[in-house]
Amino acid sequence: MATPTAQQQPVAPPANPGPIKRLLLIALIAILAAGAAAGGTWYFLSRHQTRAPASAIALPQQTTPVFFVLDPMTVNLLSEDGETHYLRIGLTLRLSDQETQDYLTQHMPEIRSRVLLALSNKHPADLAPLEGKRALATELAALISQPSDPHSKPVRIDEVLFTEFVVQ
């Protein structure tokens, strides 16, 4: 006869992981992915921040420019058509330092005379286009920067700015 052997216990099927375990596993994966993304972002951004931008390195220290305003001038222009043409011009000079402004103030009558003589030699058609005005600004900068004394060095004029320009 067959004797029953040890008590047989029914074997239970393996338990399914509960919904809590599944949520914990998903949360752990999400936290690891977020950490990896944050670490990668930090790595790439810190690598680019250590290099200084080229524009920050290349720019020298900016100094505050000095602006020197000349009184407006009115001159007669050359004319082939028999009509009288006038030019009313206002100039502002951009200078690099205060010493240049002091020099120009001391020699202003001579500078105004040079500018007036140069302007009275112009034709209205030469001053009408934009390129004519730019050429005039360059010419006036060279004219004003000429030294009063032949033994002194030229004055540095950074830019000639027109504050008034009327051709009639």
C-alpha atoms as a PDB file:
ATOM      1  CA  MET A   1       0.000   0.000   0.000  1.00  0.00           C
ATOM      2  CA  ALA A   2       1.023   3.248  -0.663  1.00  0.00           C
ATOM      3  CA  THR A   3       1.579   5.351   2.214  1.00  0.00           C
ATOM      4  CA  PRO A   4       1.331   8.906   1.889  1.00  0.00           C
ATOM      5  CA  THR A   5       4.635  10.499   2.279  1.00  0.00           C
ATOM      6  CA  ALA A   6       5.154  13.673   4.001  1.00  0.00           C
ATOM      7  CA  GLN A   7       2.344  15.992   4.010  1.00  0.00           C
ATOM      8  CA  GLN A   8       2.000  17.484   0.703  1.00  0.00           C
ATOM      9  CA  GLN A   9       1.417  21.092   0.629  1.00  0.00           C
ATOM     10  CA  PRO A  10       0.086  22.658  -2.457  1.00  0.00           C
ATOM     11  CA  VAL A  11       2.653  24.749  -4.272  1.00  0.00           C
ATOM     12  CA  ALA A  12       1.413  28.299  -4.661  1.00  0.00           C
ATOM     13  CA  PRO A  13       2.071  30.109  -7.890  1.00  0.00           C
ATOM     14  CA  PRO A  14       4.608  32.964  -7.586  1.00  0.00           C
ATOM     15  CA  ALA A  15       3.010  36.170  -6.422  1.00  0.00           C
ATOM     16  CA  ASN A  16       2.684  38.994  -8.940  1.00  0.00           C
ATOM     17  CA  PRO A  17       4.481  42.107  -7.888  1.00  0.00           C
ATOM     18  CA  GLY A  18       1.936  44.508  -6.562  1.00  0.00           C
ATOM     19  CA  PRO A  19       1.133  47.864  -8.063  1.00  0.00           C
ATOM     20  CA  ILE A  20       3.223  49.594  -5.382  1.00  0.00           C
ATOM     21  CA  LYS A  21       6.377  47.755  -6.425  1.00  0.00           C
ATOM     22  CA  ARG A  22       5.740  48.606 -10.053  1.00  0.00           C
ATOM     23  CA  LEU A  23       5.296  52.306  -9.223  1.00  0.00           C
ATOM     24  CA  LEU A  24       8.499  52.289  -7.157  1.00  0.00           C
ATOM     25  CA  LEU A  25      10.428  50.736 -10.049  1.00  0.00           C
ATOM     26  CA  ILE A  26       9.084  53.332 -12.520  1.00  0.00           C
ATOM     27  CA  ALA A  27       9.868  56.187 -10.095  1.00  0.00           C
ATOM     28  CA  LEU A  28      13.423  54.878  -9.597  1.00  0.00           C
ATOM     29  CA  ILE A  29      14.019  54.722 -13.361  1.00  0.00           C
ATOM     30  CA  ALA A  30      12.601  58.246 -13.802  1.00  0.00           C
ATOM     31  CA  ILE A  31      14.856  59.621 -11.022  1.00  0.00           C
ATOM     32  CA  LEU A  32      17.917  57.980 -12.565  1.00  0.00           C
ATOM     33  CA  ALA A  33      17.070  59.370 -16.014  1.00  0.00           C
ATOM     34  CA  ALA A  34      16.528  62.887 -14.615  1.00  0.00           C
ATOM     35  CA  GLY A  35      19.819  62.691 -12.721  1.00  0.00           C
ATOM     36  CA  ALA A  36      21.675  61.604 -15.847  1.00  0.00           C
ATOM     37  CA  ALA A  37      20.121  64.436 -17.865  1.00  0.00           C
ATOM     38  CA  ALA A  38      20.984  67.009 -15.189  1.00  0.00           C
ATOM     39  CA  GLY A  39      24.555  65.709 -14.937  1.00  0.00           C
ATOM     40  CA  GLY A  40      25.043  65.839 -18.695  1.00  0.00           C
ATOM     41  CA  THR A  41      23.629  69.347 -18.896  1.00  0.00           C
ATOM     42  CA  TRP A  42      25.879  70.544 -16.060  1.00  0.00           C
ATOM     43  CA  TYR A  43      28.925  68.962 -17.715  1.00  0.00           C
ATOM     44  CA  PHE A  44      28.372  70.603 -21.104  1.00  0.00           C
ATOM     45  CA  LEU A  45      27.408  74.010 -19.691  1.00  0.00           C
ATOM     46  CA  SER A  46      30.342  74.168 -17.265  1.00  0.00           C
ATOM     47  CA  ARG A  47      32.683  73.212 -20.086  1.00  0.00           C
ATOM     48  CA  HIS A  48      31.482  76.131 -22.244  1.00  0.00           C
ATOM     49  CA  GLN A  49      31.499  78.637 -19.371  1.00  0.00           C
ATOM     50  CA  THR A  50      35.184  78.101 -18.598  1.00  0.00           C
ATOM     51  CA  ARG A  51      36.107  79.531 -21.984  1.00  0.00           C
ATOM     52  CA  ALA A  52      35.741  83.292 -22.038  1.00  0.00           C
ATOM     53  CA  PRO A  53      33.896  84.610 -25.076  1.00  0.00           C
ATOM     54  CA  ALA A  54      36.171  86.080 -27.718  1.00  0.00           C
ATOM     55  CA  SER A  55      34.325  89.404 -27.617  1.00  0.00           C
ATOM     56  CA  ALA A  56      35.081  89.818 -23.913  1.00  0.00           C
ATOM     57  CA  ILE A  57      38.776  89.186 -24.460  1.00  0.00           C
ATOM     58  CA  ALA A  58      39.195  91.293 -27.591  1.00  0.00           C
ATOM     59  CA  LEU A  59      37.543  94.472 -26.323  1.00  0.00           C
ATOM     60  CA  PRO A  60      39.865  96.953 -24.660  1.00  0.00           C
ATOM     61  CA  GLN A  61      38.666  99.140 -21.853  1.00  0.00           C
ATOM     62  CA  GLN A  62      36.324 101.741 -23.254  1.00  0.00           C
ATOM     63  CA  THR A  63      37.002 105.355 -22.419  1.00  0.00           C
ATOM     64  CA  THR A  64      34.325 107.978 -22.384  1.00  0.00           C
ATOM     65  CA  PRO A  65      34.592 110.078 -25.531  1.00  0.00           C
ATOM     66  CA  VAL A  66      34.745 113.841 -25.401  1.00  0.00           C
ATOM     67  CA  PHE A  67      32.360 115.707 -27.697  1.00  0.00           C
ATOM     68  CA  PHE A  68      33.284 119.206 -28.840  1.00  0.00           C
ATOM     69  CA  VAL A  69      30.480 121.261 -30.388  1.00  0.00           C
ATOM     70  CA  LEU A  70      31.347 123.912 -32.962  1.00  0.00           C
ATOM     71  CA  ASP A  71      28.992 126.825 -33.527  1.00  0.00           C
ATOM     72  CA  PRO A  72      26.865 126.448 -36.689  1.00  0.00           C
ATOM     73  CA  MET A  73      28.321 128.024 -39.843  1.00  0.00           C
ATOM     74  CA  THR A  74      26.675 129.384 -42.973  1.00  0.00           C
ATOM     75  CA  VAL A  75      28.639 129.690 -46.226  1.00  0.00           C
ATOM     76  CA  ASN A  76      27.968 130.480 -49.882  1.00  0.00           C
ATOM     77  CA  LEU A  77      28.597 127.534 -52.197  1.00  0.00           C
ATOM     78  CA  LEU A  78      30.049 127.555 -55.716  1.00  0.00           C
ATOM     79  CA  SER A  79      27.376 127.477 -58.362  1.00  0.00           C
ATOM     80  CA  GLU A  80      27.445 127.112 -62.150  1.00  0.00           C
ATOM     81  CA  ASP A  81      23.756 127.808 -62.643  1.00  0.00           C
ATOM     82  CA  GLY A  82      23.931 131.460 -61.539  1.00  0.00           C
ATOM     83  CA  GLU A  83      21.800 130.894 -58.446  1.00  0.00           C
ATOM     84  CA  THR A  84      23.087 131.539 -54.956  1.00  0.00           C
ATOM     85  CA  HIS A  85      23.351 128.408 -52.823  1.00  0.00           C
ATOM     86  CA  TYR A  86      23.961 128.331 -49.108  1.00  0.00           C
ATOM     87  CA  LEU A  87      25.180 125.657 -46.761  1.00  0.00           C
ATOM     88  CA  ARG A  88      24.287 125.795 -43.088  1.00  0.00           C
ATOM     89  CA  ILE A  89      26.289 123.230 -41.191  1.00  0.00           C
ATOM     90  CA  GLY A  90      26.612 122.279 -37.546  1.00  0.00           C
ATOM     91  CA  LEU A  91      29.529 120.111 -36.476  1.00  0.00           C
ATOM     92  CA  THR A  92      30.361 118.099 -33.386  1.00  0.00           C
ATOM     93  CA  LEU A  93      33.788 116.523 -33.067  1.00  0.00           C
ATOM     94  CA  ARG A  94      34.337 113.282 -31.216  1.00  0.00           C
ATOM     95  CA  LEU A  95      37.712 113.426 -29.490  1.00  0.00           C
ATOM     96  CA  SER A  96      39.660 110.939 -27.418  1.00  0.00           C
ATOM     97  CA  ASP A  97      40.724 113.207 -24.555  1.00  0.00           C
ATOM     98  CA  GLN A  98      40.232 116.519 -22.815  1.00  0.00           C
ATOM     99  CA  GLU A  99      43.652 117.912 -23.865  1.00  0.00           C
ATOM    100  CA  THR A 100      42.570 117.821 -27.515  1.00  0.00           C
ATOM    101  CA  GLN A 101      39.443 119.779 -26.653  1.00  0.00           C
ATOM    102  CA  ASP A 102      41.526 122.385 -24.810  1.00  0.00           C
ATOM    103  CA  TYR A 103      43.834 122.718 -27.828  1.00  0.00           C
ATOM    104  CA  LEU A 104      40.898 123.140 -30.220  1.00  0.00           C
ATOM    105  CA  THR A 105      39.318 125.754 -27.958  1.00  0.00           C
ATOM    106  CA  GLN A 106      42.536 127.781 -27.967  1.00  0.00           C
ATOM    107  CA  HIS A 107      42.846 127.620 -31.765  1.00  0.00           C
ATOM    108  CA  MET A 108      39.144 127.919 -32.674  1.00  0.00           C
ATOM    109  CA  PRO A 109      39.366 131.084 -34.832  1.00  0.00           C
ATOM    110  CA  GLU A 110      41.962 129.448 -37.073  1.00  0.00           C
ATOM    111  CA  ILE A 111      39.985 126.178 -37.261  1.00  0.00           C
ATOM    112  CA  ARG A 112      36.732 127.975 -38.161  1.00  0.00           C
ATOM    113  CA  SER A 113      38.562 129.902 -40.885  1.00  0.00           C
ATOM    114  CA  ARG A 114      39.941 126.673 -42.395  1.00  0.00           C
ATOM    115  CA  VAL A 115      36.518 125.017 -42.323  1.00  0.00           C
ATOM    116  CA  LEU A 116      34.730 128.020 -43.834  1.00  0.00           C
ATOM    117  CA  LEU A 117      37.254 128.311 -46.678  1.00  0.00           C
ATOM    118  CA  ALA A 118      37.018 124.598 -47.436  1.00  0.00           C
ATOM    119  CA  LEU A 119      33.191 124.633 -47.393  1.00  0.00           C
ATOM    120  CA  SER A 120      32.906 127.676 -49.646  1.00  0.00           C
ATOM    121  CA  ASN A 121      34.817 125.741 -52.318  1.00  0.00           C
ATOM    122  CA  LYS A 122      32.141 123.021 -52.549  1.00  0.00           C
ATOM    123  CA  HIS A 123      29.386 122.559 -55.132  1.00  0.00           C
ATOM    124  CA  PRO A 124      25.810 121.745 -53.994  1.00  0.00           C
ATOM    125  CA  ALA A 125      25.726 118.669 -56.245  1.00  0.00           C
ATOM    126  CA  ASP A 126      28.836 117.273 -54.509  1.00  0.00           C
ATOM    127  CA  LEU A 127      27.193 117.522 -51.073  1.00  0.00           C
ATOM    128  CA  ALA A 128      23.784 116.087 -51.993  1.00  0.00           C
ATOM    129  CA  PRO A 129      24.526 112.317 -51.942  1.00  0.00           C
ATOM    130  CA  LEU A 130      25.388 110.400 -48.797  1.00  0.00           C
ATOM    131  CA  GLU A 131      28.866 109.593 -50.104  1.00  0.00           C
ATOM    132  CA  GLY A 132      29.478 113.314 -50.608  1.00  0.00           C
ATOM    133  CA  LYS A 133      28.632 113.979 -46.961  1.00  0.00           C
ATOM    134  CA  ARG A 134      30.904 111.152 -45.805  1.00  0.00           C
ATOM    135  CA  ALA A 135      33.760 112.468 -47.957  1.00  0.00           C
ATOM    136  CA  LEU A 136      33.193 115.935 -46.503  1.00  0.00           C
ATOM    137  CA  ALA A 137      33.353 114.558 -42.952  1.00  0.00           C
ATOM    138  CA  THR A 138      36.661 112.829 -43.737  1.00  0.00           C
ATOM    139  CA  GLU A 139      38.030 115.985 -45.361  1.00  0.00           C
ATOM    140  CA  LEU A 140      36.987 118.140 -42.406  1.00  0.00           C
ATOM    141  CA  ALA A 141      38.580 115.723 -39.930  1.00  0.00           C
ATOM    142  CA  ALA A 142      41.880 115.944 -41.806  1.00  0.00           C
ATOM    143  CA  LEU A 143      41.575 119.735 -42.070  1.00  0.00           C
ATOM    144  CA  ILE A 144      40.818 120.260 -38.377  1.00  0.00           C
ATOM    145  CA  SER A 145      43.539 117.862 -37.237  1.00  0.00           C
ATOM    146  CA  GLN A 146      46.263 119.885 -38.999  1.00  0.00           C
ATOM    147  CA  PRO A 147      48.534 121.552 -36.444  1.00  0.00           C
ATOM    148  CA  SER A 148      48.579 125.321 -36.126  1.00  0.00           C
ATOM    149  CA  ASP A 149      52.308 125.337 -35.592  1.00  0.00           C
ATOM    150  CA  PRO A 150      54.393 123.560 -38.284  1.00  0.00           C
ATOM    151  CA  HIS A 151      56.604 122.010 -35.590  1.00  0.00           C
ATOM    152  CA  SER A 152      53.791 120.431 -33.566  1.00  0.00           C
ATOM    153  CA  LYS A 153      52.092 117.122 -34.209  1.00  0.00           C
ATOM    154  CA  PRO A 154      48.558 116.779 -35.685  1.00  0.00           C
ATOM    155  CA  VAL A 155      45.539 116.668 -33.394  1.00  0.00           C
ATOM    156  CA  ARG A 156      43.599 113.406 -33.304  1.00  0.00           C
ATOM    157  CA  ILE A 157      39.954 113.745 -34.364  1.00  0.00           C
ATOM    158  CA  ASP A 158      38.061 110.465 -33.926  1.00  0.00           C
ATOM    159  CA  GLU A 159      34.999 111.466 -35.916  1.00  0.00           C
ATOM    160  CA  VAL A 160      33.235 114.477 -37.406  1.00  0.00           C
ATOM    161  CA  LEU A 161      29.496 114.362 -36.739  1.00  0.00           C
ATOM    162  CA  PHE A 162      26.960 116.539 -38.526  1.00  0.00           C
ATOM    163  CA  THR A 163      24.346 118.025 -36.219  1.00  0.00           C
ATOM    164  CA  GLU A 164      22.932 120.317 -38.889  1.00  0.00           C
ATOM    165  CA  PHE A 165      23.248 120.079 -42.669  1.00  0.00           C
ATOM    166  CA  VAL A 166      21.119 122.275 -44.909  1.00  0.00           C
ATOM    167  CA  VAL A 167      21.892 123.043 -48.549  1.00  0.00           C
ATOM    168  CA  GLN A 168      19.663 125.687 -50.068  1.00  0.00           C
END
